[in-house]
Amino acid sequence: MSSQARTTASRLGHVVGTGLVALDRVHVGTVQPLFEELGGSCGNVLISLAMLGRSVTPLIRLGRDPVGARLKRDLRLAGADTRLVWRHGEVRSPIIVEMLDPDSSEHRFSFICPQSSERFGTYQPITPYELESARPVLSTCRIFYADRVSETICDAMEAAAAGGAIVHFEPSSVSDSKLFERALSIAHIFKYSVDRLAAEAATWLRADAFSIVTSGRYGLEVRHAGAVHHCEAWSADEVRDTCGSGDMVTLGLLDAILQSDACSPEALSVEAILSGVSVGQRLAAANCAYVGARGLFRERGAAHVRSILSEAQGPHQAA
């Protein structure tokens, strides 16, 4: 097999991601948590892909604490390659408190313990040291996912893009306008919520990129080359918790890309993106019936999620 063929084979299905991976503590109307599980946008997307059998390598920085040990173990047990999960003594692993009102199904998030008022650890981006160790993996991945931005993350995005990867950027805020502009100049897919970012956020997006603008129950828009395609939200049979809906849309999109023939940014099409977000919207609607960002996985299992994906994608695309 030629070196080019080996590179292509190794890239197929391989996702590398960096960003927020945290321990979610979910409270449903009480100060005592109902349960806790791995969360954070990056964490939700990566562990879900791993549970679906995809090749996943998280590139993240956690603490050398019980929470960090738990998060790394959960990723490993889900099937992820954890060689780039770095743990350091000076870092406190993130914990996110979700407070869910069982009557209204509304939720809010906090980094403060509701019982002790202790402030939990927060997200710490990767450093140049971690990036250097990751460069061989970045050069051969098919998709690179990031939900945060830093100078080193932008370097990682560029390394992945130079290797032919599709770069998916999904920030929740603009913390540094210059770094944000740099990230958008690299990204091939830019997904954001109108509740978090203004439409002007896409100003610096590269001309050939896709932007996905989500609006909750009002659906989403896929924008590309001056055209706008509206996708109505799927109707949820039951709504207990909308947490994680955006991550489920991303999961459906990335899984559909991995399932398709789009092995490079140039191979992405409007049709493939629209198909992927539609599948993701279906997952998001199903997930609303359960508590927590990945309640569908926890209550029904990965096989059930895969059956939804396979049905939505059609027999010609099924795994």
C-alpha atoms as a PDB file:
ATOM      1  CA  MET A   1       0.000   0.000   0.000  1.00  0.00           C
ATOM      2  CA  SER A   2       1.351   3.443  -0.926  1.00  0.00           C
ATOM      3  CA  SER A   3       1.971   6.123   1.716  1.00  0.00           C
ATOM      4  CA  GLN A   4      -0.893   8.185   0.261  1.00  0.00           C
ATOM      5  CA  ALA A   5      -3.244   5.199   0.482  1.00  0.00           C
ATOM      6  CA  ARG A   6      -2.197   4.530   4.080  1.00  0.00           C
ATOM      7  CA  THR A   7      -2.848   8.182   4.982  1.00  0.00           C
ATOM      8  CA  THR A   8      -6.283   8.072   3.380  1.00  0.00           C
ATOM      9  CA  ALA A   9      -7.151   4.821   5.157  1.00  0.00           C
ATOM     10  CA  SER A  10      -6.040   6.145   8.543  1.00  0.00           C
ATOM     11  CA  ARG A  11      -8.069   9.333   8.101  1.00  0.00           C
ATOM     12  CA  LEU A  12     -11.363   7.580   7.399  1.00  0.00           C
ATOM     13  CA  GLY A  13     -13.671   7.945  10.387  1.00  0.00           C
ATOM     14  CA  HIS A  14     -11.044   9.519  12.661  1.00  0.00           C
ATOM     15  CA  VAL A  15     -12.172  12.511  14.752  1.00  0.00           C
ATOM     16  CA  VAL A  16      -9.905  14.605  16.971  1.00  0.00           C
ATOM     17  CA  GLY A  17     -11.521  17.154  19.267  1.00  0.00           C
ATOM     18  CA  THR A  18     -10.574  19.751  21.840  1.00  0.00           C
ATOM     19  CA  GLY A  19     -12.653  21.932  24.112  1.00  0.00           C
ATOM     20  CA  LEU A  20     -14.870  21.647  27.144  1.00  0.00           C
ATOM     21  CA  VAL A  21     -14.973  18.197  28.731  1.00  0.00           C
ATOM     22  CA  ALA A  22     -16.503  18.353  32.194  1.00  0.00           C
ATOM     23  CA  LEU A  23     -18.379  16.366  34.796  1.00  0.00           C
ATOM     24  CA  ASP A  24     -22.082  17.242  34.624  1.00  0.00           C
ATOM     25  CA  ARG A  25     -23.913  17.141  37.950  1.00  0.00           C
ATOM     26  CA  VAL A  26     -27.614  17.176  37.239  1.00  0.00           C
ATOM     27  CA  HIS A  27     -30.037  18.433  39.879  1.00  0.00           C
ATOM     28  CA  VAL A  28     -33.770  18.025  39.292  1.00  0.00           C
ATOM     29  CA  GLY A  29     -35.551  20.345  41.692  1.00  0.00           C
ATOM     30  CA  THR A  30     -33.277  19.500  44.662  1.00  0.00           C
ATOM     31  CA  VAL A  31     -29.899  20.556  46.045  1.00  0.00           C
ATOM     32  CA  GLN A  32     -28.741  16.938  45.846  1.00  0.00           C
ATOM     33  CA  PRO A  33     -27.669  15.800  42.362  1.00  0.00           C
ATOM     34  CA  LEU A  34     -29.781  13.133  40.701  1.00  0.00           C
ATOM     35  CA  PHE A  35     -26.772  11.794  38.790  1.00  0.00           C
ATOM     36  CA  GLU A  36     -23.473  12.847  37.279  1.00  0.00           C
ATOM     37  CA  GLU A  37     -21.855  11.978  33.965  1.00  0.00           C
ATOM     38  CA  LEU A  38     -19.314  13.224  31.457  1.00  0.00           C
ATOM     39  CA  GLY A  39     -20.487  16.392  29.717  1.00  0.00           C
ATOM     40  CA  GLY A  40     -19.417  19.665  28.161  1.00  0.00           C
ATOM     41  CA  SER A  41     -20.056  20.292  24.456  1.00  0.00           C
ATOM     42  CA  CYS A  42     -16.781  18.723  23.296  1.00  0.00           C
ATOM     43  CA  GLY A  43     -17.220  15.888  25.778  1.00  0.00           C
ATOM     44  CA  ASN A  44     -20.782  15.155  24.692  1.00  0.00           C
ATOM     45  CA  VAL A  45     -19.918  15.061  20.999  1.00  0.00           C
ATOM     46  CA  LEU A  46     -16.749  12.991  21.343  1.00  0.00           C
ATOM     47  CA  ILE A  47     -18.021  10.389  23.802  1.00  0.00           C
ATOM     48  CA  SER A  48     -21.228   9.969  21.777  1.00  0.00           C
ATOM     49  CA  LEU A  49     -19.264   9.384  18.564  1.00  0.00           C
ATOM     50  CA  ALA A  50     -17.075   6.878  20.403  1.00  0.00           C
ATOM     51  CA  MET A  51     -20.130   5.036  21.735  1.00  0.00           C
ATOM     52  CA  LEU A  52     -21.398   4.830  18.163  1.00  0.00           C
ATOM     53  CA  GLY A  53     -18.195   3.064  17.165  1.00  0.00           C
ATOM     54  CA  ARG A  54     -16.366   6.002  15.602  1.00  0.00           C
ATOM     55  CA  SER A  55     -12.612   6.466  15.986  1.00  0.00           C
ATOM     56  CA  VAL A  56     -12.216   9.361  18.415  1.00  0.00           C
ATOM     57  CA  THR A  57      -9.177  10.991  20.027  1.00  0.00           C
ATOM     58  CA  PRO A  58      -9.825  13.766  22.579  1.00  0.00           C
ATOM     59  CA  LEU A  59      -7.045  16.343  22.848  1.00  0.00           C
ATOM     60  CA  ILE A  60      -7.764  17.859  26.249  1.00  0.00           C
ATOM     61  CA  ARG A  61      -6.224  19.048  29.521  1.00  0.00           C
ATOM     62  CA  LEU A  62      -7.661  17.829  32.822  1.00  0.00           C
ATOM     63  CA  GLY A  63      -6.634  17.766  36.464  1.00  0.00           C
ATOM     64  CA  ARG A  64      -4.827  15.014  38.273  1.00  0.00           C
ATOM     65  CA  ASP A  65      -7.851  14.722  40.533  1.00  0.00           C
ATOM     66  CA  PRO A  66     -10.730  12.227  40.974  1.00  0.00           C
ATOM     67  CA  VAL A  67     -12.884  14.133  38.465  1.00  0.00           C
ATOM     68  CA  GLY A  68     -10.134  14.035  35.840  1.00  0.00           C
ATOM     69  CA  ALA A  69      -9.631  10.316  36.461  1.00  0.00           C
ATOM     70  CA  ARG A  70     -13.372   9.733  36.074  1.00  0.00           C
ATOM     71  CA  LEU A  71     -13.592  11.696  32.808  1.00  0.00           C
ATOM     72  CA  LYS A  72     -10.603   9.935  31.243  1.00  0.00           C
ATOM     73  CA  ARG A  73     -11.938   6.544  32.326  1.00  0.00           C
ATOM     74  CA  ASP A  74     -15.394   7.262  30.879  1.00  0.00           C
ATOM     75  CA  LEU A  75     -13.894   8.264  27.546  1.00  0.00           C
ATOM     76  CA  ARG A  76     -11.746   5.125  27.473  1.00  0.00           C
ATOM     77  CA  LEU A  77     -14.653   2.843  28.361  1.00  0.00           C
ATOM     78  CA  ALA A  78     -16.721   4.438  25.594  1.00  0.00           C
ATOM     79  CA  GLY A  79     -14.043   3.419  23.112  1.00  0.00           C
ATOM     80  CA  ALA A  80     -12.101   6.677  22.702  1.00  0.00           C
ATOM     81  CA  ASP A  81      -8.325   6.756  22.320  1.00  0.00           C
ATOM     82  CA  THR A  82      -7.206   8.620  25.465  1.00  0.00           C
ATOM     83  CA  ARG A  83      -3.479   8.952  24.743  1.00  0.00           C
ATOM     84  CA  LEU A  84      -3.916  12.729  24.266  1.00  0.00           C
ATOM     85  CA  VAL A  85      -5.924  13.237  27.459  1.00  0.00           C
ATOM     86  CA  TRP A  86      -3.396  15.075  29.611  1.00  0.00           C
ATOM     87  CA  ARG A  87      -3.729  15.373  33.389  1.00  0.00           C
ATOM     88  CA  HIS A  88      -1.817  17.899  35.480  1.00  0.00           C
ATOM     89  CA  GLY A  89      -1.566  18.512  39.194  1.00  0.00           C
ATOM     90  CA  GLU A  90      -2.030  22.287  38.882  1.00  0.00           C
ATOM     91  CA  VAL A  91      -5.314  21.920  36.969  1.00  0.00           C
ATOM     92  CA  ARG A  92      -8.742  21.419  38.547  1.00  0.00           C
ATOM     93  CA  SER A  93     -11.032  19.408  36.274  1.00  0.00           C
ATOM     94  CA  PRO A  94     -14.257  21.205  35.324  1.00  0.00           C
ATOM     95  CA  ILE A  95     -17.583  20.452  36.996  1.00  0.00           C
ATOM     96  CA  ILE A  96     -20.825  21.891  35.641  1.00  0.00           C
ATOM     97  CA  VAL A  97     -23.995  21.994  37.713  1.00  0.00           C
ATOM     98  CA  GLU A  98     -27.246  21.729  35.756  1.00  0.00           C
ATOM     99  CA  MET A  99     -30.275  22.831  37.766  1.00  0.00           C
ATOM    100  CA  LEU A 100     -33.418  21.509  36.064  1.00  0.00           C
ATOM    101  CA  ASP A 101     -36.910  22.648  37.010  1.00  0.00           C
ATOM    102  CA  PRO A 102     -39.088  19.521  36.603  1.00  0.00           C
ATOM    103  CA  ASP A 103     -42.259  21.611  36.174  1.00  0.00           C
ATOM    104  CA  SER A 104     -41.105  24.018  33.452  1.00  0.00           C
ATOM    105  CA  SER A 105     -38.291  21.842  32.014  1.00  0.00           C
ATOM    106  CA  GLU A 106     -36.108  24.951  32.108  1.00  0.00           C
ATOM    107  CA  HIS A 107     -32.489  24.634  33.162  1.00  0.00           C
ATOM    108  CA  ARG A 108     -29.576  26.797  34.205  1.00  0.00           C
ATOM    109  CA  PHE A 109     -25.889  26.095  34.637  1.00  0.00           C
ATOM    110  CA  SER A 110     -23.362  26.980  37.324  1.00  0.00           C
ATOM    111  CA  PHE A 111     -19.735  26.291  38.264  1.00  0.00           C
ATOM    112  CA  ILE A 112     -20.588  26.644  41.958  1.00  0.00           C
ATOM    113  CA  CYS A 113     -21.687  23.815  44.255  1.00  0.00           C
ATOM    114  CA  PRO A 114     -25.279  24.520  45.434  1.00  0.00           C
ATOM    115  CA  GLN A 115     -24.609  22.807  48.775  1.00  0.00           C
ATOM    116  CA  SER A 116     -21.229  24.217  49.830  1.00  0.00           C
ATOM    117  CA  SER A 117     -20.902  27.269  47.520  1.00  0.00           C
ATOM    118  CA  GLU A 118     -17.496  25.885  46.485  1.00  0.00           C
ATOM    119  CA  ARG A 119     -16.346  27.178  43.120  1.00  0.00           C
ATOM    120  CA  PHE A 120     -15.485  24.238  40.890  1.00  0.00           C
ATOM    121  CA  GLY A 121     -12.642  23.970  38.407  1.00  0.00           C
ATOM    122  CA  THR A 122     -13.147  25.448  34.954  1.00  0.00           C
ATOM    123  CA  TYR A 123     -11.935  24.763  31.435  1.00  0.00           C
ATOM    124  CA  GLN A 124      -8.200  24.883  30.719  1.00  0.00           C
ATOM    125  CA  PRO A 125      -7.078  24.938  27.050  1.00  0.00           C
ATOM    126  CA  ILE A 126      -4.304  22.772  25.681  1.00  0.00           C
ATOM    127  CA  THR A 127      -0.765  24.168  25.721  1.00  0.00           C
ATOM    128  CA  PRO A 128       1.969  24.066  23.036  1.00  0.00           C
ATOM    129  CA  TYR A 129       3.430  21.030  24.822  1.00  0.00           C
ATOM    130  CA  GLU A 130       0.234  19.003  24.344  1.00  0.00           C
ATOM    131  CA  LEU A 131      -0.093  20.215  20.759  1.00  0.00           C
ATOM    132  CA  GLU A 132       3.377  19.009  19.777  1.00  0.00           C
ATOM    133  CA  SER A 133       2.546  15.493  20.943  1.00  0.00           C
ATOM    134  CA  ALA A 134      -0.698  15.610  18.959  1.00  0.00           C
ATOM    135  CA  ARG A 135       0.675  16.751  15.601  1.00  0.00           C
ATOM    136  CA  PRO A 136       1.042  13.233  14.091  1.00  0.00           C
ATOM    137  CA  VAL A 137      -2.617  12.503  14.935  1.00  0.00           C
ATOM    138  CA  LEU A 138      -3.816  15.885  13.692  1.00  0.00           C
ATOM    139  CA  SER A 139      -2.075  15.391  10.346  1.00  0.00           C
ATOM    140  CA  THR A 140      -4.160  12.301   9.574  1.00  0.00           C
ATOM    141  CA  CYS A 141      -7.568  12.962  11.144  1.00  0.00           C
ATOM    142  CA  ARG A 142     -10.671  13.394   9.024  1.00  0.00           C
ATOM    143  CA  ILE A 143     -12.540  15.835  11.275  1.00  0.00           C
ATOM    144  CA  PHE A 144     -11.176  18.252  13.855  1.00  0.00           C
ATOM    145  CA  TYR A 145     -13.719  19.604  16.343  1.00  0.00           C
ATOM    146  CA  ALA A 146     -13.215  22.616  18.639  1.00  0.00           C
ATOM    147  CA  ASP A 147     -15.707  24.452  20.846  1.00  0.00           C
ATOM    148  CA  ARG A 148     -13.208  26.865  22.410  1.00  0.00           C
ATOM    149  CA  VAL A 149     -10.509  29.113  20.999  1.00  0.00           C
ATOM    150  CA  SER A 150      -6.958  29.913  22.074  1.00  0.00           C
ATOM    151  CA  GLU A 151      -3.722  30.534  20.225  1.00  0.00           C
ATOM    152  CA  THR A 152      -2.724  26.884  20.613  1.00  0.00           C
ATOM    153  CA  ILE A 153      -6.156  25.649  19.510  1.00  0.00           C
ATOM    154  CA  CYS A 154      -5.872  27.801  16.377  1.00  0.00           C
ATOM    155  CA  ASP A 155      -2.466  26.198  15.765  1.00  0.00           C
ATOM    156  CA  ALA A 156      -4.128  22.779  16.130  1.00  0.00           C
ATOM    157  CA  MET A 157      -6.885  23.776  13.703  1.00  0.00           C
ATOM    158  CA  GLU A 158      -4.278  24.827  11.158  1.00  0.00           C
ATOM    159  CA  ALA A 159      -2.325  21.596  11.609  1.00  0.00           C
ATOM    160  CA  ALA A 160      -5.450  19.505  11.056  1.00  0.00           C
ATOM    161  CA  ALA A 161      -6.547  21.568   8.040  1.00  0.00           C
ATOM    162  CA  ALA A 162      -3.075  21.280   6.508  1.00  0.00           C
ATOM    163  CA  GLY A 163      -3.438  17.497   6.735  1.00  0.00           C
ATOM    164  CA  GLY A 164      -6.738  17.601   4.854  1.00  0.00           C
ATOM    165  CA  ALA A 165      -9.184  17.470   7.785  1.00  0.00           C
ATOM    166  CA  ILE A 166     -12.599  19.101   7.903  1.00  0.00           C
ATOM    167  CA  VAL A 167     -12.438  21.674  10.714  1.00  0.00           C
ATOM    168  CA  HIS A 168     -15.674  22.101  12.700  1.00  0.00           C
ATOM    169  CA  PHE A 169     -15.735  25.157  14.974  1.00  0.00           C
ATOM    170  CA  GLU A 170     -18.571  25.535  17.488  1.00  0.00           C
ATOM    171  CA  PRO A 171     -17.899  28.301  20.029  1.00  0.00           C
ATOM    172  CA  SER A 172     -20.335  29.568  22.635  1.00  0.00           C
ATOM    173  CA  SER A 173     -18.786  33.032  22.968  1.00  0.00           C
ATOM    174  CA  VAL A 174     -16.217  35.437  21.550  1.00  0.00           C
ATOM    175  CA  SER A 175     -13.572  35.810  24.238  1.00  0.00           C
ATOM    176  CA  ASP A 176     -10.840  37.215  21.974  1.00  0.00           C
ATOM    177  CA  SER A 177     -11.871  38.823  18.684  1.00  0.00           C
ATOM    178  CA  LYS A 178      -8.473  38.373  17.009  1.00  0.00           C
ATOM    179  CA  LEU A 179      -8.286  34.656  17.862  1.00  0.00           C
ATOM    180  CA  PHE A 180     -11.937  34.253  16.892  1.00  0.00           C
ATOM    181  CA  GLU A 181     -11.227  35.851  13.508  1.00  0.00           C
ATOM    182  CA  ARG A 182      -8.254  33.537  13.033  1.00  0.00           C
ATOM    183  CA  ALA A 183     -10.324  30.455  13.895  1.00  0.00           C
ATOM    184  CA  LEU A 184     -13.039  31.438  11.412  1.00  0.00           C
ATOM    185  CA  SER A 185     -10.457  31.876   8.674  1.00  0.00           C
ATOM    186  CA  ILE A 186      -9.535  28.205   9.161  1.00  0.00           C
ATOM    187  CA  ALA A 187     -12.906  26.545   9.846  1.00  0.00           C
ATOM    188  CA  HIS A 188     -14.868  24.735   7.139  1.00  0.00           C
ATOM    189  CA  ILE A 189     -18.022  24.423   9.287  1.00  0.00           C
ATOM    190  CA  PHE A 190     -19.009  27.124  11.777  1.00  0.00           C
ATOM    191  CA  LYS A 191     -21.980  26.264  14.004  1.00  0.00           C
ATOM    192  CA  TYR A 192     -23.418  28.670  16.546  1.00  0.00           C
ATOM    193  CA  SER A 193     -26.603  29.555  18.397  1.00  0.00           C
ATOM    194  CA  VAL A 194     -28.398  32.881  17.970  1.00  0.00           C
ATOM    195  CA  ASP A 195     -28.840  32.821  21.751  1.00  0.00           C
ATOM    196  CA  ARG A 196     -25.053  32.962  22.207  1.00  0.00           C
ATOM    197  CA  LEU A 197     -23.582  34.853  19.230  1.00  0.00           C
ATOM    198  CA  ALA A 198     -24.780  37.655  16.936  1.00  0.00           C
ATOM    199  CA  ALA A 199     -25.098  37.113  13.184  1.00  0.00           C
ATOM    200  CA  GLU A 200     -22.063  39.351  12.685  1.00  0.00           C
ATOM    201  CA  ALA A 201     -19.973  36.565  14.220  1.00  0.00           C
ATOM    202  CA  ALA A 202     -19.669  34.956  10.788  1.00  0.00           C
ATOM    203  CA  THR A 203     -18.089  38.084   9.256  1.00  0.00           C
ATOM    204  CA  TRP A 204     -14.604  36.566   9.114  1.00  0.00           C
ATOM    205  CA  LEU A 205     -15.692  33.132   7.888  1.00  0.00           C
ATOM    206  CA  ARG A 206     -13.833  31.861   4.847  1.00  0.00           C
ATOM    207  CA  ALA A 207     -15.811  32.176   1.600  1.00  0.00           C
ATOM    208  CA  ASP A 208     -16.158  28.439   0.965  1.00  0.00           C
ATOM    209  CA  ALA A 209     -17.217  27.555   4.512  1.00  0.00           C
ATOM    210  CA  PHE A 210     -20.634  26.503   5.813  1.00  0.00           C
ATOM    211  CA  SER A 211     -22.309  28.259   8.721  1.00  0.00           C
ATOM    212  CA  ILE A 212     -25.046  26.569  10.743  1.00  0.00           C
ATOM    213  CA  VAL A 213     -27.145  28.965  12.796  1.00  0.00           C
ATOM    214  CA  THR A 214     -29.400  27.301  15.377  1.00  0.00           C
ATOM    215  CA  SER A 215     -32.536  28.837  16.865  1.00  0.00           C
ATOM    216  CA  GLY A 216     -33.864  26.179  19.229  1.00  0.00           C
ATOM    217  CA  ARG A 217     -37.490  25.262  18.564  1.00  0.00           C
ATOM    218  CA  TYR A 218     -37.479  27.542  15.513  1.00  0.00           C
ATOM    219  CA  GLY A 219     -35.063  25.253  13.722  1.00  0.00           C
ATOM    220  CA  LEU A 220     -31.798  26.249  12.075  1.00  0.00           C
ATOM    221  CA  GLU A 221     -30.310  27.731   8.938  1.00  0.00           C
ATOM    222  CA  VAL A 222     -27.478  26.425   6.795  1.00  0.00           C
ATOM    223  CA  ARG A 223     -25.719  29.244   4.989  1.00  0.00           C
ATOM    224  CA  HIS A 224     -23.284  28.731   2.130  1.00  0.00           C
ATOM    225  CA  ALA A 225     -22.123  30.781  -0.856  1.00  0.00           C
ATOM    226  CA  GLY A 226     -24.787  33.432  -0.289  1.00  0.00           C
ATOM    227  CA  ALA A 227     -27.687  30.950  -0.066  1.00  0.00           C
ATOM    228  CA  VAL A 228     -29.733  30.302   3.079  1.00  0.00           C
ATOM    229  CA  HIS A 229     -31.449  26.955   3.684  1.00  0.00           C
ATOM    230  CA  HIS A 230     -33.953  26.751   6.548  1.00  0.00           C
ATOM    231  CA  CYS A 231     -34.486  23.474   8.403  1.00  0.00           C
ATOM    232  CA  GLU A 232     -37.541  23.208  10.636  1.00  0.00           C
ATOM    233  CA  ALA A 233     -36.984  21.650  14.058  1.00  0.00           C
ATOM    234  CA  TRP A 234     -38.225  18.119  14.604  1.00  0.00           C
ATOM    235  CA  SER A 235     -41.229  17.936  16.890  1.00  0.00           C
ATOM    236  CA  ALA A 236     -40.414  16.315  20.244  1.00  0.00           C
ATOM    237  CA  ASP A 237     -42.970  13.830  21.575  1.00  0.00           C
ATOM    238  CA  GLU A 238     -42.005  14.750  25.138  1.00  0.00           C
ATOM    239  CA  VAL A 239     -39.862  17.537  26.561  1.00  0.00           C
ATOM    240  CA  ARG A 240     -38.238  16.930  29.932  1.00  0.00           C
ATOM    241  CA  ASP A 241     -34.898  18.617  29.294  1.00  0.00           C
ATOM    242  CA  THR A 242     -33.559  20.478  26.237  1.00  0.00           C
ATOM    243  CA  CYS A 243     -29.961  20.392  27.515  1.00  0.00           C
ATOM    244  CA  GLY A 244     -27.616  18.913  24.922  1.00  0.00           C
ATOM    245  CA  SER A 245     -29.891  19.533  21.931  1.00  0.00           C
ATOM    246  CA  GLY A 246     -27.194  21.448  20.059  1.00  0.00           C
ATOM    247  CA  ASP A 247     -24.654  18.710  20.750  1.00  0.00           C
ATOM    248  CA  MET A 248     -27.045  16.114  19.333  1.00  0.00           C
ATOM    249  CA  VAL A 249     -27.382  18.154  16.126  1.00  0.00           C
ATOM    250  CA  THR A 250     -23.594  18.247  15.855  1.00  0.00           C
ATOM    251  CA  LEU A 251     -23.398  14.516  16.555  1.00  0.00           C
ATOM    252  CA  GLY A 252     -25.820  13.747  13.737  1.00  0.00           C
ATOM    253  CA  LEU A 253     -23.948  16.027  11.347  1.00  0.00           C
ATOM    254  CA  LEU A 254     -20.478  14.650  12.074  1.00  0.00           C
ATOM    255  CA  ASP A 255     -21.674  11.050  12.002  1.00  0.00           C
ATOM    256  CA  ALA A 256     -23.326  11.676   8.625  1.00  0.00           C
ATOM    257  CA  ILE A 257     -20.111  13.214   7.258  1.00  0.00           C
ATOM    258  CA  LEU A 258     -18.150  10.190   8.460  1.00  0.00           C
ATOM    259  CA  GLN A 259     -20.729   7.953   6.824  1.00  0.00           C
ATOM    260  CA  SER A 260     -20.503   9.820   3.516  1.00  0.00           C
ATOM    261  CA  ASP A 261     -17.867  10.091   0.823  1.00  0.00           C
ATOM    262  CA  ALA A 262     -16.805  13.547   2.042  1.00  0.00           C
ATOM    263  CA  CYS A 263     -13.185  12.711   2.904  1.00  0.00           C
ATOM    264  CA  SER A 264     -11.998  16.310   2.537  1.00  0.00           C
ATOM    265  CA  PRO A 265     -13.339  19.864   2.879  1.00  0.00           C
ATOM    266  CA  GLU A 266     -13.611  20.103  -0.905  1.00  0.00           C
ATOM    267  CA  ALA A 267     -15.977  17.116  -0.939  1.00  0.00           C
ATOM    268  CA  LEU A 268     -18.496  18.733   1.436  1.00  0.00           C
ATOM    269  CA  SER A 269     -21.768  19.697  -0.221  1.00  0.00           C
ATOM    270  CA  VAL A 270     -24.872  21.602   0.821  1.00  0.00           C
ATOM    271  CA  GLU A 271     -26.860  18.391   0.422  1.00  0.00           C
ATOM    272  CA  ALA A 272     -24.556  16.483   2.790  1.00  0.00           C
ATOM    273  CA  ILE A 273     -24.696  19.239   5.417  1.00  0.00           C
ATOM    274  CA  LEU A 274     -28.494  19.527   5.182  1.00  0.00           C
ATOM    275  CA  SER A 275     -28.882  15.754   5.467  1.00  0.00           C
ATOM    276  CA  GLY A 276     -26.578  15.647   8.478  1.00  0.00           C
ATOM    277  CA  VAL A 277     -28.255  18.437  10.422  1.00  0.00           C
ATOM    278  CA  SER A 278     -31.662  16.899   9.732  1.00  0.00           C
ATOM    279  CA  VAL A 279     -30.485  13.643  11.284  1.00  0.00           C
ATOM    280  CA  GLY A 280     -29.074  15.616  14.192  1.00  0.00           C
ATOM    281  CA  GLN A 281     -32.335  17.479  14.711  1.00  0.00           C
ATOM    282  CA  ARG A 282     -34.108  14.148  14.928  1.00  0.00           C
ATOM    283  CA  LEU A 283     -31.681  13.005  17.625  1.00  0.00           C
ATOM    284  CA  ALA A 284     -32.138  16.289  19.502  1.00  0.00           C
ATOM    285  CA  ALA A 285     -35.916  15.855  19.545  1.00  0.00           C
ATOM    286  CA  ALA A 286     -35.589  12.296  20.860  1.00  0.00           C
ATOM    287  CA  ASN A 287     -33.088  13.384  23.513  1.00  0.00           C
ATOM    288  CA  CYS A 288     -35.517  15.979  24.925  1.00  0.00           C
ATOM    289  CA  ALA A 289     -37.584  13.164  26.449  1.00  0.00           C
ATOM    290  CA  TYR A 290     -34.787  12.404  28.927  1.00  0.00           C
ATOM    291  CA  VAL A 291     -32.925  14.323  31.619  1.00  0.00           C
ATOM    292  CA  GLY A 292     -29.344  15.359  30.896  1.00  0.00           C
ATOM    293  CA  ALA A 293     -27.362  16.243  27.811  1.00  0.00           C
ATOM    294  CA  ARG A 294     -27.028  12.573  26.755  1.00  0.00           C
ATOM    295  CA  GLY A 295     -30.152  11.121  28.314  1.00  0.00           C
ATOM    296  CA  LEU A 296     -30.996   9.269  25.111  1.00  0.00           C
ATOM    297  CA  PHE A 297     -27.729   7.321  25.343  1.00  0.00           C
ATOM    298  CA  ARG A 298     -28.030   6.741  29.084  1.00  0.00           C
ATOM    299  CA  GLU A 299     -31.650   5.538  29.023  1.00  0.00           C
ATOM    300  CA  ARG A 300     -31.871   3.776  25.652  1.00  0.00           C
ATOM    301  CA  GLY A 301     -28.270   2.909  24.782  1.00  0.00           C
ATOM    302  CA  ALA A 302     -25.974   3.485  21.807  1.00  0.00           C
ATOM    303  CA  ALA A 303     -27.634   0.758  19.713  1.00  0.00           C
ATOM    304  CA  HIS A 304     -30.950   2.616  19.881  1.00  0.00           C
ATOM    305  CA  VAL A 305     -29.253   5.867  18.865  1.00  0.00           C
ATOM    306  CA  ARG A 306     -27.574   4.095  15.961  1.00  0.00           C
ATOM    307  CA  SER A 307     -30.965   2.722  14.864  1.00  0.00           C
ATOM    308  CA  ILE A 308     -32.345   6.284  14.736  1.00  0.00           C
ATOM    309  CA  LEU A 309     -29.361   7.425  12.700  1.00  0.00           C
ATOM    310  CA  SER A 310     -29.596   4.482  10.309  1.00  0.00           C
ATOM    311  CA  GLU A 311     -33.322   4.994   9.795  1.00  0.00           C
ATOM    312  CA  ALA A 312     -32.885   8.711   9.181  1.00  0.00           C
ATOM    313  CA  GLN A 313     -29.924   8.281   6.841  1.00  0.00           C
ATOM    314  CA  GLY A 314     -31.654   5.633   4.781  1.00  0.00           C
ATOM    315  CA  PRO A 315     -30.541   2.121   3.808  1.00  0.00           C
ATOM    316  CA  HIS A 316     -28.082   3.389   1.203  1.00  0.00           C
ATOM    317  CA  GLN A 317     -26.098   5.188   3.905  1.00  0.00           C
ATOM    318  CA  ALA A 318     -26.555   2.809   6.842  1.00  0.00           C
ATOM    319  CA  ALA A 319     -23.481   1.466   8.582  1.00  0.00           C
END
